[in-house]
Protein backbone atom coordinates (compact mmCIF):
# COMPACT_ATOMS: atom_id res chain seq x y z
CA MET A 1 62.14 37.89 -62.91
CA HIS A 2 60.40 41.30 -63.11
CA ASP A 3 62.54 44.26 -64.13
CA ALA A 4 63.54 46.77 -61.45
CA PRO A 5 65.43 50.09 -61.47
CA GLY A 6 69.20 49.66 -61.27
CA LEU A 7 69.18 45.96 -62.20
CA ARG A 8 72.13 45.11 -64.48
CA ILE A 9 72.71 41.33 -64.39
CA PHE A 10 70.48 38.37 -63.60
CA GLY A 11 71.93 34.87 -63.17
CA PHE A 12 70.00 31.63 -62.70
CA HIS A 13 71.42 28.21 -61.74
CA ALA A 14 69.32 25.08 -61.16
CA ASN A 15 69.37 21.30 -60.86
CA VAL A 16 66.43 19.04 -61.59
CA ASN A 17 65.49 16.61 -58.80
CA LYS A 18 68.80 17.02 -56.98
CA ALA A 19 70.34 19.53 -54.61
CA ILE A 20 72.47 22.40 -55.84
CA ARG A 21 75.36 24.09 -54.05
CA PRO A 22 75.40 27.91 -53.84
CA THR A 23 78.40 28.08 -56.22
CA GLU A 24 77.38 25.29 -58.64
CA ASN A 25 76.41 26.08 -62.24
CA GLY A 26 73.75 23.37 -62.36
CA ASP A 27 71.85 21.60 -65.15
CA ILE A 28 70.27 24.92 -66.11
CA SER A 29 72.60 27.91 -66.04
CA GLY A 30 72.83 31.33 -67.60
CA ASN A 31 73.24 35.07 -67.21
CA VAL A 32 71.28 37.83 -68.95
CA TYR A 33 72.21 41.48 -69.16
CA SER A 34 68.98 43.17 -70.20
CA ALA A 35 65.25 42.76 -69.67
CA GLN A 36 62.79 41.84 -72.43
CA ASN A 37 59.20 43.07 -72.13
CA GLY A 38 59.76 43.99 -68.51
CA ARG A 39 61.20 40.62 -67.45
CA TRP A 40 64.65 39.05 -67.07
CA THR A 41 64.30 35.62 -68.63
CA ILE A 42 66.55 32.58 -69.13
CA GLU A 43 65.37 29.75 -71.39
CA ASP A 44 66.74 26.23 -71.81
CA LEU A 45 64.60 24.17 -74.19
CA THR A 46 66.80 21.07 -73.80
CA VAL A 47 65.74 20.37 -70.21
CA LYS A 48 62.60 18.31 -69.58
CA ILE A 49 60.84 18.24 -66.22
CA GLN A 50 58.30 15.55 -65.42
CA THR A 51 55.14 16.16 -63.42
CA GLY A 52 56.14 16.58 -59.78
CA GLY A 53 59.74 17.29 -60.71
CA VAL A 54 61.59 19.64 -58.40
CA LEU A 55 63.84 22.47 -59.52
CA ASN A 56 66.44 23.36 -56.87
CA TYR A 57 68.02 26.70 -57.73
CA TRP A 58 69.84 29.84 -56.70
CA ILE A 59 69.85 33.25 -58.34
CA TYR A 60 72.35 36.09 -58.59
CA VAL A 61 71.73 39.74 -59.41
CA GLN A 62 73.75 42.92 -59.73
CA ALA A 63 71.90 46.13 -58.97
CA ASP A 64 73.14 49.65 -58.30
CA GLY A 65 76.75 48.47 -58.14
CA ALA A 66 76.16 45.72 -55.58
CA SER A 67 75.67 41.96 -55.98
CA TYR A 68 73.19 39.67 -54.22
CA LYS A 69 72.47 35.94 -54.02
CA LYS A 70 69.30 34.10 -53.09
CA ILE A 71 70.06 30.44 -52.35
CA ASP A 72 68.22 27.25 -51.36
CA GLN A 73 65.18 27.91 -53.55
CA THR A 74 62.81 25.19 -54.82
CA TRP A 75 59.98 24.96 -57.34
CA THR A 76 57.78 21.95 -58.09
CA TYR A 77 56.38 21.48 -61.60
CA SER A 78 52.68 20.86 -62.13
CA PRO A 79 51.46 21.00 -65.75
CA PHE A 80 47.91 21.57 -64.60
CA VAL A 81 48.56 24.79 -62.69
CA SER A 82 50.01 27.82 -64.44
CA GLN A 83 51.30 30.83 -62.55
CA GLU A 84 48.12 32.68 -63.46
CA SER A 85 45.83 29.91 -62.24
CA THR A 86 47.88 29.57 -59.07
CA SER A 87 47.33 33.23 -58.35
CA ASN A 88 43.63 32.84 -59.09
CA ALA A 89 43.42 29.81 -56.82
CA GLU A 90 45.06 31.69 -53.98
CA LEU A 91 42.79 34.66 -54.63
CA GLY A 92 39.86 32.26 -54.42
CA VAL A 93 41.05 31.14 -51.01
CA GLU A 94 41.27 34.76 -49.88
CA ASN A 95 37.77 35.43 -51.22
CA GLU A 96 36.44 32.32 -49.54
CA ILE A 97 37.90 33.44 -46.22
CA SER A 98 36.52 36.96 -46.49
CA ALA A 99 33.14 35.81 -47.77
CA GLY A 100 32.45 32.76 -45.64
CA GLY A 101 35.56 31.46 -43.92
CA GLN A 102 35.03 31.13 -40.20
CA LEU A 103 37.05 33.29 -37.83
CA LEU A 104 38.48 30.67 -35.48
CA PHE A 105 40.68 32.80 -33.26
CA GLU A 106 41.20 36.48 -32.55
CA ASP A 107 43.21 38.28 -29.91
CA ASP A 108 43.68 42.06 -30.02
CA PHE A 109 45.57 42.00 -26.70
CA ASP A 110 43.36 44.57 -25.00
CA THR A 111 44.27 42.46 -21.97
CA LEU A 112 46.54 39.45 -21.55
CA ASN A 113 44.16 36.49 -21.50
CA GLU A 114 46.02 34.01 -19.31
CA SER A 115 43.39 31.33 -19.94
CA LEU A 116 44.35 31.53 -23.61
CA TRP A 117 48.12 32.10 -23.39
CA ALA A 118 50.21 29.82 -21.17
CA ARG A 119 53.81 30.57 -20.27
CA GLU A 120 56.46 28.07 -21.28
CA ILE A 121 58.86 27.62 -18.38
CA LYS A 122 62.19 25.91 -19.03
CA MET A 123 65.90 26.23 -19.86
CA PRO A 124 65.80 24.92 -23.44
CA LEU A 125 68.07 22.19 -24.71
CA SER A 126 67.34 20.21 -27.91
CA PRO A 127 66.72 21.03 -30.66
CA ASP A 128 67.79 24.71 -30.63
CA TYR A 129 69.72 25.20 -27.36
CA GLU A 130 68.74 28.86 -27.04
CA PHE A 131 70.78 31.02 -24.66
CA SER A 132 67.67 31.96 -22.65
CA VAL A 133 65.69 30.74 -19.69
CA TYR A 134 61.96 31.05 -20.31
CA HIS A 135 60.80 32.30 -16.95
CA ASN A 136 57.52 32.71 -15.07
CA GLU A 137 58.60 35.05 -12.28
CA ASN A 138 57.09 38.51 -12.21
CA HIS A 139 59.89 40.49 -13.81
CA GLN A 140 58.36 43.87 -14.55
CA MET A 141 59.53 44.29 -18.15
CA LEU A 142 59.43 40.67 -19.31
CA VAL A 143 55.75 40.42 -20.29
CA ARG A 144 53.53 43.50 -20.46
CA ASN A 145 50.20 44.52 -21.90
CA VAL A 146 50.32 48.17 -22.95
CA ARG A 147 47.71 50.10 -24.95
CA GLY A 148 46.23 46.99 -26.52
CA GLN A 149 49.55 45.39 -27.42
CA LEU A 150 51.50 42.43 -26.03
CA LEU A 151 55.14 43.30 -25.25
CA LEU A 152 57.80 40.61 -24.72
CA ARG A 153 61.23 41.90 -23.75
CA PRO A 154 64.36 39.87 -22.85
CA ILE A 155 66.40 40.89 -19.82
CA ILE A 156 69.88 40.06 -18.55
CA LEU A 157 69.87 37.37 -15.85
CA GLU A 158 72.59 39.10 -13.80
CA ASP A 159 70.58 42.34 -13.77
CA SER A 160 68.01 40.47 -11.69
CA TYR A 161 70.08 37.94 -9.74
CA GLY A 162 73.39 39.71 -9.27
CA GLU A 163 76.87 39.70 -10.72
CA ASN A 164 78.35 36.26 -11.47
CA ALA A 165 74.98 34.50 -11.07
CA THR A 166 75.52 33.16 -14.60
CA ALA A 167 78.85 31.54 -13.66
CA TYR A 168 78.13 30.38 -10.10
CA GLY A 169 74.37 30.31 -9.61
CA ARG A 170 71.65 27.70 -9.57
CA LEU A 171 68.17 27.85 -11.08
CA ARG A 172 65.15 25.78 -10.12
CA LEU A 173 62.06 26.68 -12.14
CA ASN A 174 58.76 26.47 -10.32
CA GLY A 175 56.03 25.19 -12.62
CA CYS A 176 58.53 23.96 -15.20
CA THR A 177 56.69 22.83 -18.33
CA SER A 178 59.41 20.43 -19.53
CA ASN A 179 59.63 16.71 -18.79
CA ASN A 180 63.43 16.93 -18.87
CA ASP A 181 64.91 17.62 -15.42
CA LEU A 182 67.91 19.38 -16.99
CA GLU A 183 65.53 21.95 -18.45
CA CYS A 184 63.99 22.57 -15.02
CA THR A 185 66.94 22.64 -12.61
CA ARG A 186 70.52 23.59 -13.36
CA ARG A 187 73.66 24.56 -11.48
CA ALA A 188 76.43 26.50 -13.21
CA LEU A 189 79.59 24.42 -13.41
CA SER A 190 82.77 25.19 -15.33
CA TYR A 191 81.88 26.21 -18.91
CA SER A 192 78.28 25.03 -18.46
CA ILE A 193 76.90 28.36 -17.28
CA LEU A 194 73.30 29.32 -16.59
CA PRO A 195 71.42 30.85 -19.54
CA PRO A 196 72.49 34.51 -19.37
CA ILE A 197 69.19 35.86 -20.76
CA ILE A 198 65.72 35.73 -19.20
CA SER A 199 63.02 35.71 -21.86
CA ALA A 200 59.36 34.83 -22.31
CA ARG A 201 57.52 32.36 -24.50
CA LEU A 202 53.73 32.07 -24.62
CA THR A 203 51.68 29.37 -26.37
CA THR A 204 48.09 28.37 -27.05
CA LYS A 205 48.96 24.68 -26.72
CA ASN A 206 46.27 24.03 -24.10
CA SER A 207 43.64 26.41 -25.46
CA PHE A 208 43.68 26.63 -29.27
CA ALA A 209 45.05 24.62 -32.18
CA PHE A 210 43.94 24.31 -35.80
CA ARG A 211 44.67 22.48 -39.02
CA TYR A 212 44.65 24.39 -42.33
CA GLY A 213 43.59 27.99 -42.66
CA LYS A 214 44.90 31.52 -42.68
CA ILE A 215 46.79 33.16 -39.83
CA GLU A 216 47.53 36.88 -39.74
CA VAL A 217 49.80 38.60 -37.21
CA ARG A 218 50.52 42.32 -36.92
CA ALA A 219 53.76 42.74 -35.03
CA LYS A 220 57.01 44.63 -34.65
CA PHE A 221 60.10 42.45 -34.33
CA PRO A 222 62.84 42.80 -31.67
CA HIS A 223 65.98 44.74 -32.62
CA GLY A 224 69.35 43.87 -31.08
CA ASP A 225 72.31 41.62 -31.85
CA TRP A 226 71.60 37.87 -31.73
CA LEU A 227 67.86 38.31 -31.02
CA TYR A 228 65.00 36.95 -33.11
CA PRO A 229 61.21 36.66 -32.82
CA GLU A 230 59.69 33.28 -32.07
CA MET A 231 56.48 33.45 -34.10
CA TRP A 232 55.63 29.87 -34.88
CA LEU A 233 53.08 27.17 -35.41
CA GLU A 234 54.03 24.05 -33.44
CA PRO A 235 52.41 20.59 -33.40
CA LYS A 236 49.93 19.96 -30.62
CA TYR A 237 50.97 16.30 -30.55
CA SER A 238 54.32 14.71 -31.40
CA THR A 239 52.58 12.42 -33.86
CA TYR A 240 55.66 11.84 -36.02
CA GLY A 241 58.34 12.12 -33.36
CA GLN A 242 59.95 14.67 -31.10
CA HIS A 243 60.88 18.22 -32.03
CA TYR A 244 61.21 18.92 -35.76
CA MET A 245 60.14 15.42 -36.79
CA SER A 246 56.61 16.71 -36.19
CA GLY A 247 57.41 20.05 -37.87
CA ARG A 248 57.45 23.76 -37.15
CA VAL A 249 56.15 26.68 -39.23
CA LEU A 250 57.98 30.03 -39.18
CA LEU A 251 55.30 32.72 -39.51
CA GLY A 252 57.96 35.40 -40.02
CA GLN A 253 61.48 35.82 -38.73
CA THR A 254 64.29 38.34 -38.92
CA ARG A 255 67.55 38.49 -37.00
CA GLY A 256 68.01 41.54 -34.79
CA ASN A 257 71.55 42.39 -35.95
CA ASP A 258 71.97 45.55 -38.03
CA TYR A 259 74.75 43.97 -40.09
CA LEU A 260 75.20 40.21 -40.30
CA VAL A 261 76.63 38.68 -43.47
CA ASP A 262 78.63 35.70 -44.63
CA ALA A 263 82.25 36.45 -43.77
CA SER A 264 83.51 35.23 -47.16
CA ASP A 265 80.61 36.58 -49.25
CA PRO A 266 79.04 39.79 -47.87
CA SER A 267 76.28 39.60 -50.49
CA MET A 268 74.74 36.78 -48.42
CA ILE A 269 72.66 38.80 -45.96
CA TYR A 270 71.37 37.41 -42.65
CA ASP A 271 70.60 40.59 -40.67
CA ASN A 272 67.38 42.54 -40.21
CA ARG A 273 67.31 43.52 -43.87
CA ARG A 274 66.16 39.94 -44.49
CA LEU A 275 62.74 38.50 -43.66
CA ASP A 276 62.28 34.72 -43.69
CA PHE A 277 59.21 32.49 -43.72
CA GLY A 278 59.12 28.71 -43.99
CA VAL A 279 59.20 25.38 -42.23
CA ARG A 280 61.66 23.23 -40.32
CA VAL A 281 61.25 19.50 -40.49
CA GLY A 282 63.22 16.29 -39.93
CA ALA A 283 65.34 14.53 -37.36
CA SER A 284 68.51 15.97 -35.83
CA PRO A 285 71.20 16.40 -37.09
CA HIS A 286 69.57 16.38 -40.54
CA ILE A 287 66.89 19.01 -39.93
CA GLN A 288 65.74 20.59 -43.17
CA GLU A 289 64.81 24.24 -43.44
CA LYS A 290 62.67 25.27 -46.40
CA LEU A 291 62.49 29.07 -46.56
CA VAL A 292 61.31 31.94 -48.70
CA SER A 293 62.86 35.34 -48.07
CA LYS A 294 62.41 39.02 -48.84
CA ILE A 295 65.48 41.25 -48.59
CA ASN A 296 65.31 45.03 -48.27
CA ALA A 297 68.93 45.67 -49.22
CA PHE A 298 68.50 49.45 -49.25
CA GLY A 299 65.10 49.97 -47.64
CA PRO A 300 63.82 50.00 -44.05
CA ARG A 301 64.77 47.18 -41.69
CA TRP A 302 62.20 44.52 -40.88
CA SER A 303 62.52 45.28 -37.16
CA GLN A 304 61.97 49.00 -37.67
CA ASP A 305 58.16 49.14 -37.96
CA PHE A 306 54.99 47.10 -37.60
CA HIS A 307 54.16 44.68 -40.41
CA VAL A 308 51.30 42.29 -41.14
CA PHE A 309 52.55 38.72 -41.61
CA THR A 310 50.15 36.31 -43.32
CA THR A 311 50.37 32.55 -43.81
CA LEU A 312 47.98 30.41 -45.86
CA TRP A 313 48.21 26.76 -44.87
CA GLY A 314 46.61 24.06 -47.00
CA ASN A 315 47.22 20.39 -47.61
CA ASN A 316 49.59 21.32 -50.46
CA GLY A 317 51.87 23.54 -48.36
CA PHE A 318 52.19 27.15 -47.28
CA THR A 319 51.99 30.57 -48.94
CA PHE A 320 53.53 33.54 -47.14
CA SER A 321 52.87 37.28 -47.48
CA VAL A 322 53.89 40.48 -45.74
CA ASP A 323 51.82 43.68 -45.82
CA GLY A 324 49.64 42.14 -48.52
CA GLU A 325 52.57 41.29 -50.83
CA LYS A 326 53.22 37.64 -51.59
CA VAL A 327 56.75 36.57 -50.66
CA GLY A 328 56.55 32.96 -51.83
CA TYR A 329 55.44 29.46 -51.00
CA VAL A 330 56.91 26.19 -49.83
CA ARG A 331 55.53 22.84 -50.95
CA PRO A 332 56.42 19.21 -50.29
CA GLY A 333 58.34 17.47 -53.05
CA PRO A 334 57.05 14.39 -54.89
CA MET A 335 58.38 12.23 -52.04
CA GLY A 336 57.00 14.47 -49.31
CA TRP A 337 58.62 17.00 -47.02
CA VAL A 338 61.35 14.54 -46.01
CA PRO A 339 61.66 11.61 -48.47
CA GLY A 340 61.25 8.27 -46.73
CA ALA A 341 60.50 9.76 -43.32
CA TYR A 342 56.72 9.54 -43.07
CA GLN A 343 55.76 6.20 -44.63
CA GLY A 344 54.75 7.75 -47.93
CA LYS A 345 52.46 10.41 -46.46
CA ASN A 346 53.16 13.37 -48.74
CA THR A 347 51.58 15.99 -46.46
CA ALA A 348 53.11 14.75 -43.17
CA PRO A 349 53.98 16.17 -40.72
CA PHE A 350 51.90 19.23 -41.64
CA ASP A 351 48.62 17.32 -41.66
CA GLN A 352 47.78 17.68 -37.97
CA GLU A 353 46.74 20.38 -35.53
CA PHE A 354 49.26 23.11 -34.69
CA TYR A 355 49.16 25.78 -31.98
CA ILE A 356 50.58 29.32 -31.85
CA THR A 357 53.84 30.23 -30.11
CA LEU A 358 55.15 33.75 -29.40
CA GLY A 359 58.47 34.58 -27.77
CA VAL A 360 61.90 36.17 -28.06
CA GLY A 361 64.85 33.92 -28.80
CA THR A 362 68.54 34.57 -28.21
CA GLY A 363 71.45 32.89 -29.99
CA GLY A 364 71.31 29.11 -29.97
CA VAL A 365 72.47 26.68 -32.65
CA ARG A 366 69.77 27.04 -35.31
CA VAL A 367 69.09 30.63 -36.37
CA PHE A 368 72.54 32.21 -36.74
CA PRO A 369 74.80 30.46 -39.28
CA ASP A 370 78.45 29.81 -38.57
CA GLY A 371 80.94 31.70 -40.71
CA THR A 372 79.11 35.02 -40.36
CA LYS A 373 80.31 38.38 -39.12
CA SER A 374 78.43 41.14 -37.32
CA GLU A 375 79.84 44.67 -37.76
CA GLU A 376 83.12 43.11 -38.98
CA ARG A 377 83.39 40.89 -35.88
CA PRO A 378 83.05 37.10 -36.27
CA LYS A 379 80.05 35.47 -34.65
CA PRO A 380 81.37 34.80 -31.13
CA TRP A 381 80.31 31.16 -30.91
CA SER A 382 80.21 28.05 -33.07
CA ASN A 383 76.98 26.10 -33.30
CA MET A 384 78.76 22.79 -32.64
CA ASP A 385 80.84 24.07 -29.72
CA PRO A 386 79.77 22.80 -26.25
CA LYS A 387 81.01 26.15 -24.89
CA SER A 388 78.79 28.16 -27.26
CA MET A 389 76.68 29.82 -24.54
CA LEU A 390 79.78 30.75 -22.52
CA ARG A 391 81.45 32.27 -25.59
CA PHE A 392 78.29 34.27 -26.34
CA TRP A 393 78.20 35.62 -22.79
CA ASN A 394 81.92 36.41 -22.73
CA ALA A 395 81.43 38.54 -25.85
CA ARG A 396 78.70 40.67 -24.23
CA GLU A 397 80.75 43.87 -24.55
CA GLN A 398 80.30 43.46 -28.31
CA TRP A 399 76.53 42.88 -28.45
CA LEU A 400 75.09 44.34 -25.25
CA PRO A 401 75.33 47.99 -26.42
CA SER A 402 72.87 47.15 -29.22
CA TRP A 403 70.38 46.03 -26.53
CA ARG A 404 70.80 49.15 -24.37
CA ARG A 405 69.78 51.66 -27.04
CA ASN A 406 66.56 53.58 -26.33
CA ASN A 407 66.57 52.24 -22.76
CA GLY A 408 66.33 48.71 -24.14
CA GLU A 409 62.90 49.23 -25.70
CA LYS A 410 64.06 48.18 -29.18
CA THR A 411 64.65 44.62 -27.99
CA THR A 412 60.90 44.27 -27.36
CA PHE A 413 58.76 41.99 -29.53
CA VAL A 414 55.43 43.83 -29.89
CA ILE A 415 52.33 41.95 -31.04
CA ASP A 416 49.27 44.02 -31.97
CA TYR A 417 46.85 41.26 -32.98
CA ILE A 418 46.52 37.68 -34.19
CA ARG A 419 43.65 36.27 -36.25
CA VAL A 420 43.04 32.80 -37.62
CA TRP A 421 40.41 31.79 -40.19
CA SER A 422 39.37 28.42 -41.54
CA PHE A 423 39.12 27.95 -45.30
């Protein structure tokens, strides 16, 4: 690890070819208290890793009087590719794109091209059970095109349909894009309320999809408790099964809360100081999330300004960058992304065409971990609770003020441009 001002302790804990818990010492374990030649280094010459071996690890640092953990990290060993040659190979890809890679897709959002972007219309259930209805009615603030930027802003359902519409109303979505009737028509009954948030989700499913290349998005993320940007690549066809069995790529994600940490370990940060990239893959309830993260513990929040989010997608995985700085990469293991799931196809399910999705998500069962607290208050719902959406809505006095700041403008997901190149 490179040295940095204020860094006092660096700890590294890893297992070879097996999972590691966030508190486990692991096969490789050690702490160092000073840097050598500008790097914090731990060596263990007794451990041997075979070609294709996977190191599962977590790290711990103390800096400026505070402690931090980074968990669920992986690294795959290849004796033929050093760190230097990896960087050169990635640089070669960048050079190839700039010198001769074909620009496949570009939208600067001077206007909203409705032949390119289709609205998703549904009340989502599996796999994420978001607390939103993705609507197509002409709500003034929901989808806008302003000064060459696309603006997506969630709104409260009862602000449009009246008090108690969430608890006693009925929704029937014209033009519903789901094949599941329960995602198209719903009546509030008992604790099964209507989604309390109206949001928007746009996709290029019917107009543009690609396999392998570089995608770059300049955007400003939404800011408000329990909000997150939906900036994804999704499979055009469910070749390997429904939902995450056919994969999803997170092109950049932060949670809109100002302060969201593990209730028992505040050094585990989940709020908008943390930026995640990665993939989700597998069958419910065993969906795997492989992430790389960048945490600004003391710097600006990731929802504060515009950033350029870049993903390189090749047959060996994904490399993620923000504002030109590499954050990390995710790769399949020697048995593939999910061992035993894809009949020995190492690159599946990320070997097919994917399309672009943009939207604003609220709550749900996937993005916000249980056991967290926001501004010293426990997360108001449990991901396994059938009453989760009701509990979220009943706690609105806690989170709604964070949405109302600046006349609600901070909850807007703003997209400046998107570009896609082939290699």
